[in-house]
C-alpha atoms as a PDB file:
ATOM      1  CA  MET A   1       2.043  -1.886 -61.567  1.00  0.00           C
ATOM      2  CA  ARG A   2       0.309   1.535 -61.959  1.00  0.00           C
ATOM      3  CA  PRO A   3       3.454   3.804 -61.246  1.00  0.00           C
ATOM      4  CA  TYR A   4       4.954   2.124 -64.255  1.00  0.00           C
ATOM      5  CA  LEU A   5       1.763   3.054 -66.252  1.00  0.00           C
ATOM      6  CA  LEU A   6       2.441   6.565 -65.534  1.00  0.00           C
ATOM      7  CA  LEU A   7       6.042   6.419 -66.623  1.00  0.00           C
ATOM      8  CA  LEU A   8       4.536   5.449 -70.223  1.00  0.00           C
ATOM      9  CA  PHE A   9       2.466   8.474 -70.292  1.00  0.00           C
ATOM     10  CA  LEU A  10       5.248  10.744 -69.528  1.00  0.00           C
ATOM     11  CA  PRO A  11       6.780  11.191 -73.100  1.00  0.00           C
ATOM     12  CA  LEU A  12       3.474  11.924 -74.300  1.00  0.00           C
ATOM     13  CA  LEU A  13       2.872  14.746 -71.902  1.00  0.00           C
ATOM     14  CA  SER A  14       6.183  16.336 -73.272  1.00  0.00           C
ATOM     15  CA  LEU A  15       4.974  16.506 -76.788  1.00  0.00           C
ATOM     16  CA  THR A  16       1.695  18.406 -75.715  1.00  0.00           C
ATOM     17  CA  SER A  17       3.554  21.225 -73.378  1.00  0.00           C
ATOM     18  CA  PRO A  18       4.463  24.441 -75.622  1.00  0.00           C
ATOM     19  CA  LYS A  19       8.347  25.157 -76.181  1.00  0.00           C
ATOM     20  CA  GLN A  20       9.549  27.433 -73.290  1.00  0.00           C
ATOM     21  CA  GLN A  21      12.823  28.357 -74.279  1.00  0.00           C
ATOM     22  CA  ILE A  22      14.144  30.354 -77.857  1.00  0.00           C
ATOM     23  CA  LYS A  23      17.448  29.531 -78.720  1.00  0.00           C
ATOM     24  CA  ASN A  24      19.729  31.915 -77.026  1.00  0.00           C
ATOM     25  CA  PHE A  25      16.782  33.697 -74.939  1.00  0.00           C
ATOM     26  CA  HIS A  26      18.184  35.914 -71.945  1.00  0.00           C
ATOM     27  CA  LYS A  27      16.498  38.751 -70.029  1.00  0.00           C
ATOM     28  CA  VAL A  28      18.397  41.945 -70.328  1.00  0.00           C
ATOM     29  CA  ASP A  29      16.360  43.988 -68.192  1.00  0.00           C
ATOM     30  CA  ASP A  30      12.637  44.474 -67.469  1.00  0.00           C
ATOM     31  CA  PHE A  31      12.179  46.115 -70.746  1.00  0.00           C
ATOM     32  CA  VAL A  32      14.381  44.055 -73.063  1.00  0.00           C
ATOM     33  CA  TYR A  33      15.133  40.373 -74.089  1.00  0.00           C
ATOM     34  CA  ARG A  34      17.275  39.021 -76.429  1.00  0.00           C
ATOM     35  CA  SER A  35      17.367  35.933 -78.593  1.00  0.00           C
ATOM     36  CA  ALA A  36      18.091  33.992 -81.577  1.00  0.00           C
ATOM     37  CA  GLN A  37      15.359  33.976 -84.579  1.00  0.00           C
ATOM     38  CA  PRO A  38      12.157  32.492 -82.791  1.00  0.00           C
ATOM     39  CA  SER A  39       9.950  30.063 -84.756  1.00  0.00           C
ATOM     40  CA  LYS A  40       6.249  30.786 -85.103  1.00  0.00           C
ATOM     41  CA  SER A  41       5.521  28.608 -81.780  1.00  0.00           C
ATOM     42  CA  GLU A  42       8.274  30.610 -80.104  1.00  0.00           C
ATOM     43  CA  MET A  43       6.707  33.649 -81.106  1.00  0.00           C
ATOM     44  CA  LYS A  44       3.534  32.869 -79.778  1.00  0.00           C
ATOM     45  CA  TRP A  45       5.228  31.703 -76.301  1.00  0.00           C
ATOM     46  CA  ALA A  46       7.047  35.201 -76.416  1.00  0.00           C
ATOM     47  CA  GLU A  47       3.702  37.207 -76.533  1.00  0.00           C
ATOM     48  CA  ASP A  48       2.460  35.035 -73.623  1.00  0.00           C
ATOM     49  CA  GLN A  49       5.519  35.947 -71.446  1.00  0.00           C
ATOM     50  CA  GLY A  50       4.254  39.507 -72.310  1.00  0.00           C
ATOM     51  CA  ILE A  51       6.586  40.605 -75.066  1.00  0.00           C
ATOM     52  CA  LYS A  52       5.020  43.512 -77.020  1.00  0.00           C
ATOM     53  CA  THR A  53       7.462  44.086 -80.047  1.00  0.00           C
ATOM     54  CA  ILE A  54      10.131  42.046 -81.815  1.00  0.00           C
ATOM     55  CA  ILE A  55      12.906  44.013 -83.404  1.00  0.00           C
ATOM     56  CA  ASN A  56      14.434  41.934 -86.130  1.00  0.00           C
ATOM     57  CA  LEU A  57      18.024  42.672 -86.982  1.00  0.00           C
ATOM     58  CA  ARG A  58      18.478  40.250 -89.792  1.00  0.00           C
ATOM     59  CA  ASN A  59      19.185  41.653 -93.158  1.00  0.00           C
ATOM     60  CA  VAL A  60      16.622  39.849 -95.377  1.00  0.00           C
ATOM     61  CA  ILE A  61      14.174  37.802 -93.501  1.00  0.00           C
ATOM     62  CA  ASP A  62      11.349  39.454 -91.466  1.00  0.00           C
ATOM     63  CA  ASP A  63       8.887  37.971 -89.168  1.00  0.00           C
ATOM     64  CA  LYS A  64       5.687  38.289 -90.768  1.00  0.00           C
ATOM     65  CA  GLN A  65       4.850  34.702 -91.061  1.00  0.00           C
ATOM     66  CA  GLU A  66       6.169  33.978 -87.618  1.00  0.00           C
ATOM     67  CA  ILE A  67       4.159  36.649 -85.983  1.00  0.00           C
ATOM     68  CA  LYS A  68       0.674  36.049 -87.726  1.00  0.00           C
ATOM     69  CA  GLY A  69      -2.180  35.137 -85.336  1.00  0.00           C
ATOM     70  CA  THR A  70      -0.318  37.008 -82.524  1.00  0.00           C
ATOM     71  CA  ASP A  71      -0.481  40.749 -81.392  1.00  0.00           C
ATOM     72  CA  LEU A  72       2.850  41.052 -81.531  1.00  0.00           C
ATOM     73  CA  THR A  73       4.652  44.352 -83.496  1.00  0.00           C
ATOM     74  CA  GLN A  74       7.498  43.926 -85.788  1.00  0.00           C
ATOM     75  CA  VAL A  75      10.367  46.550 -86.139  1.00  0.00           C
ATOM     76  CA  ARG A  76      12.562  45.527 -88.694  1.00  0.00           C
ATOM     77  CA  ILE A  77      16.073  46.829 -88.883  1.00  0.00           C
ATOM     78  CA  PRO A  78      18.142  44.816 -91.286  1.00  0.00           C
ATOM     79  CA  LEU A  79      21.726  44.902 -90.534  1.00  0.00           C
ATOM     80  CA  ARG A  80      24.880  43.173 -91.564  1.00  0.00           C
ATOM     81  CA  ALA A  81      27.278  42.033 -89.182  1.00  0.00           C
ATOM     82  CA  LYS A  82      30.363  42.687 -91.003  1.00  0.00           C
ATOM     83  CA  LYS A  83      28.993  46.157 -91.644  1.00  0.00           C
ATOM     84  CA  LEU A  84      27.710  47.430 -88.348  1.00  0.00           C
ATOM     85  CA  THR A  85      27.963  51.318 -87.625  1.00  0.00           C
ATOM     86  CA  TYR A  86      27.452  53.848 -85.077  1.00  0.00           C
ATOM     87  CA  GLU A  87      24.471  54.861 -87.121  1.00  0.00           C
ATOM     88  CA  ASP A  88      23.169  51.428 -86.741  1.00  0.00           C
ATOM     89  CA  ILE A  89      23.267  51.446 -83.226  1.00  0.00           C
ATOM     90  CA  ILE A  90      21.589  54.688 -82.918  1.00  0.00           C
ATOM     91  CA  THR A  91      18.471  53.522 -85.002  1.00  0.00           C
ATOM     92  CA  ALA A  92      18.231  50.211 -83.082  1.00  0.00           C
ATOM     93  CA  LEU A  93      18.385  52.060 -79.744  1.00  0.00           C
ATOM     94  CA  SER A  94      15.901  54.592 -80.867  1.00  0.00           C
ATOM     95  CA  ALA A  95      13.767  51.567 -81.879  1.00  0.00           C
ATOM     96  CA  ILE A  96      14.082  50.040 -78.340  1.00  0.00           C
ATOM     97  CA  GLU A  97      12.996  53.563 -76.829  1.00  0.00           C
ATOM     98  CA  ALA A  98      10.120  54.011 -79.263  1.00  0.00           C
ATOM     99  CA  ALA A  99       8.669  50.412 -78.797  1.00  0.00           C
ATOM    100  CA  GLU A 100       5.942  49.259 -76.709  1.00  0.00           C
ATOM    101  CA  LYS A 101       7.708  47.129 -74.174  1.00  0.00           C
ATOM    102  CA  PRO A 102       9.045  44.663 -73.117  1.00  0.00           C
ATOM    103  CA  VAL A 103      10.657  43.798 -76.655  1.00  0.00           C
ATOM    104  CA  LEU A 104      12.617  40.901 -77.918  1.00  0.00           C
ATOM    105  CA  ILE A 105      15.807  41.765 -79.959  1.00  0.00           C
ATOM    106  CA  HIS A 106      16.766  39.006 -82.306  1.00  0.00           C
ATOM    107  CA  CYS A 107      18.885  38.070 -85.336  1.00  0.00           C
ATOM    108  CA  LEU A 108      19.567  34.708 -86.774  1.00  0.00           C
ATOM    109  CA  HIS A 109      21.812  33.176 -83.785  1.00  0.00           C
ATOM    110  CA  GLY A 110      21.175  36.167 -81.225  1.00  0.00           C
ATOM    111  CA  SER A 111      24.875  36.710 -80.717  1.00  0.00           C
ATOM    112  CA  ASP A 112      26.537  39.187 -82.926  1.00  0.00           C
ATOM    113  CA  ARG A 113      24.053  41.827 -84.344  1.00  0.00           C
ATOM    114  CA  THR A 114      21.878  41.105 -81.347  1.00  0.00           C
ATOM    115  CA  GLY A 115      24.928  41.290 -78.703  1.00  0.00           C
ATOM    116  CA  CYS A 116      26.330  44.471 -80.167  1.00  0.00           C
ATOM    117  CA  MET A 117      22.922  46.152 -79.834  1.00  0.00           C
ATOM    118  CA  VAL A 118      22.468  44.901 -76.227  1.00  0.00           C
ATOM    119  CA  ALA A 119      25.856  45.770 -75.164  1.00  0.00           C
ATOM    120  CA  ALA A 120      25.411  49.425 -76.614  1.00  0.00           C
ATOM    121  CA  TYR A 121      22.021  49.412 -74.905  1.00  0.00           C
ATOM    122  CA  GLN A 122      23.385  48.356 -71.730  1.00  0.00           C
ATOM    123  CA  MET A 123      25.810  51.526 -71.750  1.00  0.00           C
ATOM    124  CA  TYR A 124      23.202  53.563 -72.660  1.00  0.00           C
ATOM    125  CA  GLN A 125      21.290  52.560 -69.764  1.00  0.00           C
ATOM    126  CA  GLY A 126      24.185  53.248 -67.394  1.00  0.00           C
ATOM    127  CA  MET A 127      26.147  50.073 -67.439  1.00  0.00           C
ATOM    128  CA  SER A 128      30.116  51.007 -67.411  1.00  0.00           C
ATOM    129  CA  LYS A 129      31.515  50.336 -71.119  1.00  0.00           C
ATOM    130  CA  ASP A 130      33.846  47.604 -69.553  1.00  0.00           C
ATOM    131  CA  GLU A 131      31.105  45.572 -67.753  1.00  0.00           C
ATOM    132  CA  ALA A 132      28.508  45.685 -70.946  1.00  0.00           C
ATOM    133  CA  ILE A 133      31.644  44.492 -73.205  1.00  0.00           C
ATOM    134  CA  SER A 134      32.635  41.817 -70.644  1.00  0.00           C
ATOM    135  CA  GLN A 135      29.158  40.356 -70.618  1.00  0.00           C
ATOM    136  CA  PHE A 136      29.132  40.626 -74.397  1.00  0.00           C
ATOM    137  CA  LEU A 137      32.120  38.454 -74.530  1.00  0.00           C
ATOM    138  CA  GLU A 138      30.587  36.029 -72.275  1.00  0.00           C
ATOM    139  CA  ASP A 139      30.554  32.442 -73.885  1.00  0.00           C
ATOM    140  CA  GLN A 140      27.012  31.887 -73.377  1.00  0.00           C
ATOM    141  CA  TYR A 141      26.037  34.665 -75.919  1.00  0.00           C
ATOM    142  CA  GLY A 142      28.091  33.299 -78.860  1.00  0.00           C
ATOM    143  CA  TYR A 143      29.798  36.383 -80.119  1.00  0.00           C
ATOM    144  CA  ASN A 144      32.095  35.179 -83.306  1.00  0.00           C
ATOM    145  CA  ARG A 145      35.250  37.283 -82.794  1.00  0.00           C
ATOM    146  CA  LYS A 146      36.955  35.503 -85.589  1.00  0.00           C
ATOM    147  CA  LEU A 147      34.380  36.473 -88.207  1.00  0.00           C
ATOM    148  CA  PHE A 148      33.471  40.011 -86.707  1.00  0.00           C
ATOM    149  CA  PRO A 149      36.308  41.644 -85.058  1.00  0.00           C
ATOM    150  CA  ASN A 150      34.583  44.897 -86.220  1.00  0.00           C
ATOM    151  CA  ILE A 151      31.607  44.580 -83.746  1.00  0.00           C
ATOM    152  CA  LEU A 152      33.972  44.512 -80.396  1.00  0.00           C
ATOM    153  CA  GLU A 153      35.975  47.446 -82.103  1.00  0.00           C
ATOM    154  CA  LEU A 154      32.882  49.204 -82.803  1.00  0.00           C
ATOM    155  CA  LEU A 155      31.809  48.824 -78.975  1.00  0.00           C
ATOM    156  CA  GLU A 156      35.479  49.519 -77.599  1.00  0.00           C
ATOM    157  CA  SER A 157      34.975  52.912 -79.570  1.00  0.00           C
ATOM    158  CA  LEU A 158      31.525  53.961 -78.415  1.00  0.00           C
ATOM    159  CA  ASP A 159      31.380  57.463 -76.782  1.00  0.00           C
ATOM    160  CA  VAL A 160      28.850  56.961 -74.205  1.00  0.00           C
ATOM    161  CA  ASP A 161      27.991  60.402 -73.765  1.00  0.00           C
ATOM    162  CA  GLN A 162      27.770  61.086 -77.601  1.00  0.00           C
ATOM    163  CA  LEU A 163      25.450  58.054 -77.778  1.00  0.00           C
ATOM    164  CA  GLN A 164      23.037  59.089 -75.016  1.00  0.00           C
ATOM    165  CA  ASN A 165      22.905  62.677 -76.676  1.00  0.00           C
ATOM    166  CA  ASP A 166      22.021  61.327 -79.683  1.00  0.00           C
ATOM    167  CA  ILE A 167      19.305  59.274 -78.897  1.00  0.00           C
ATOM    168  CA  ARG A 168      17.827  61.869 -76.303  1.00  0.00           C
END
């Protein structure tokens, strides 16, 4: 009979354990993570994982309320997925370079704006353009090619040598 009592309490245990995964959360490397928009509790979880800086790519929404009560720093780079430019990439990668690490980069879904900046970051770090774009296109990240074909075009047109010169 006692083992059955334990089964009754298992659902309660899951209610008290902290959320352990932000939607579309992925490690890019030891210094950069990516995700969809984190909630307040997910920001605390990110801080508990060692994240120091949040880079928010959302056009209108900031993270002031979500990071309140944490030691996280927010860097806000308002971007529009349909209008991403080379200059936006320079701004985002410069912010990553300057930020206390590790950083978490996010937009609403963590797929289009975030995916573009992560792919550009990977190229900047030495990954081949083909490999970075191939990862960008993986289904798990959620790139919406129909809505934002411009993002893939931007990544394909990147001059990686110029990118590295413009950031250093």
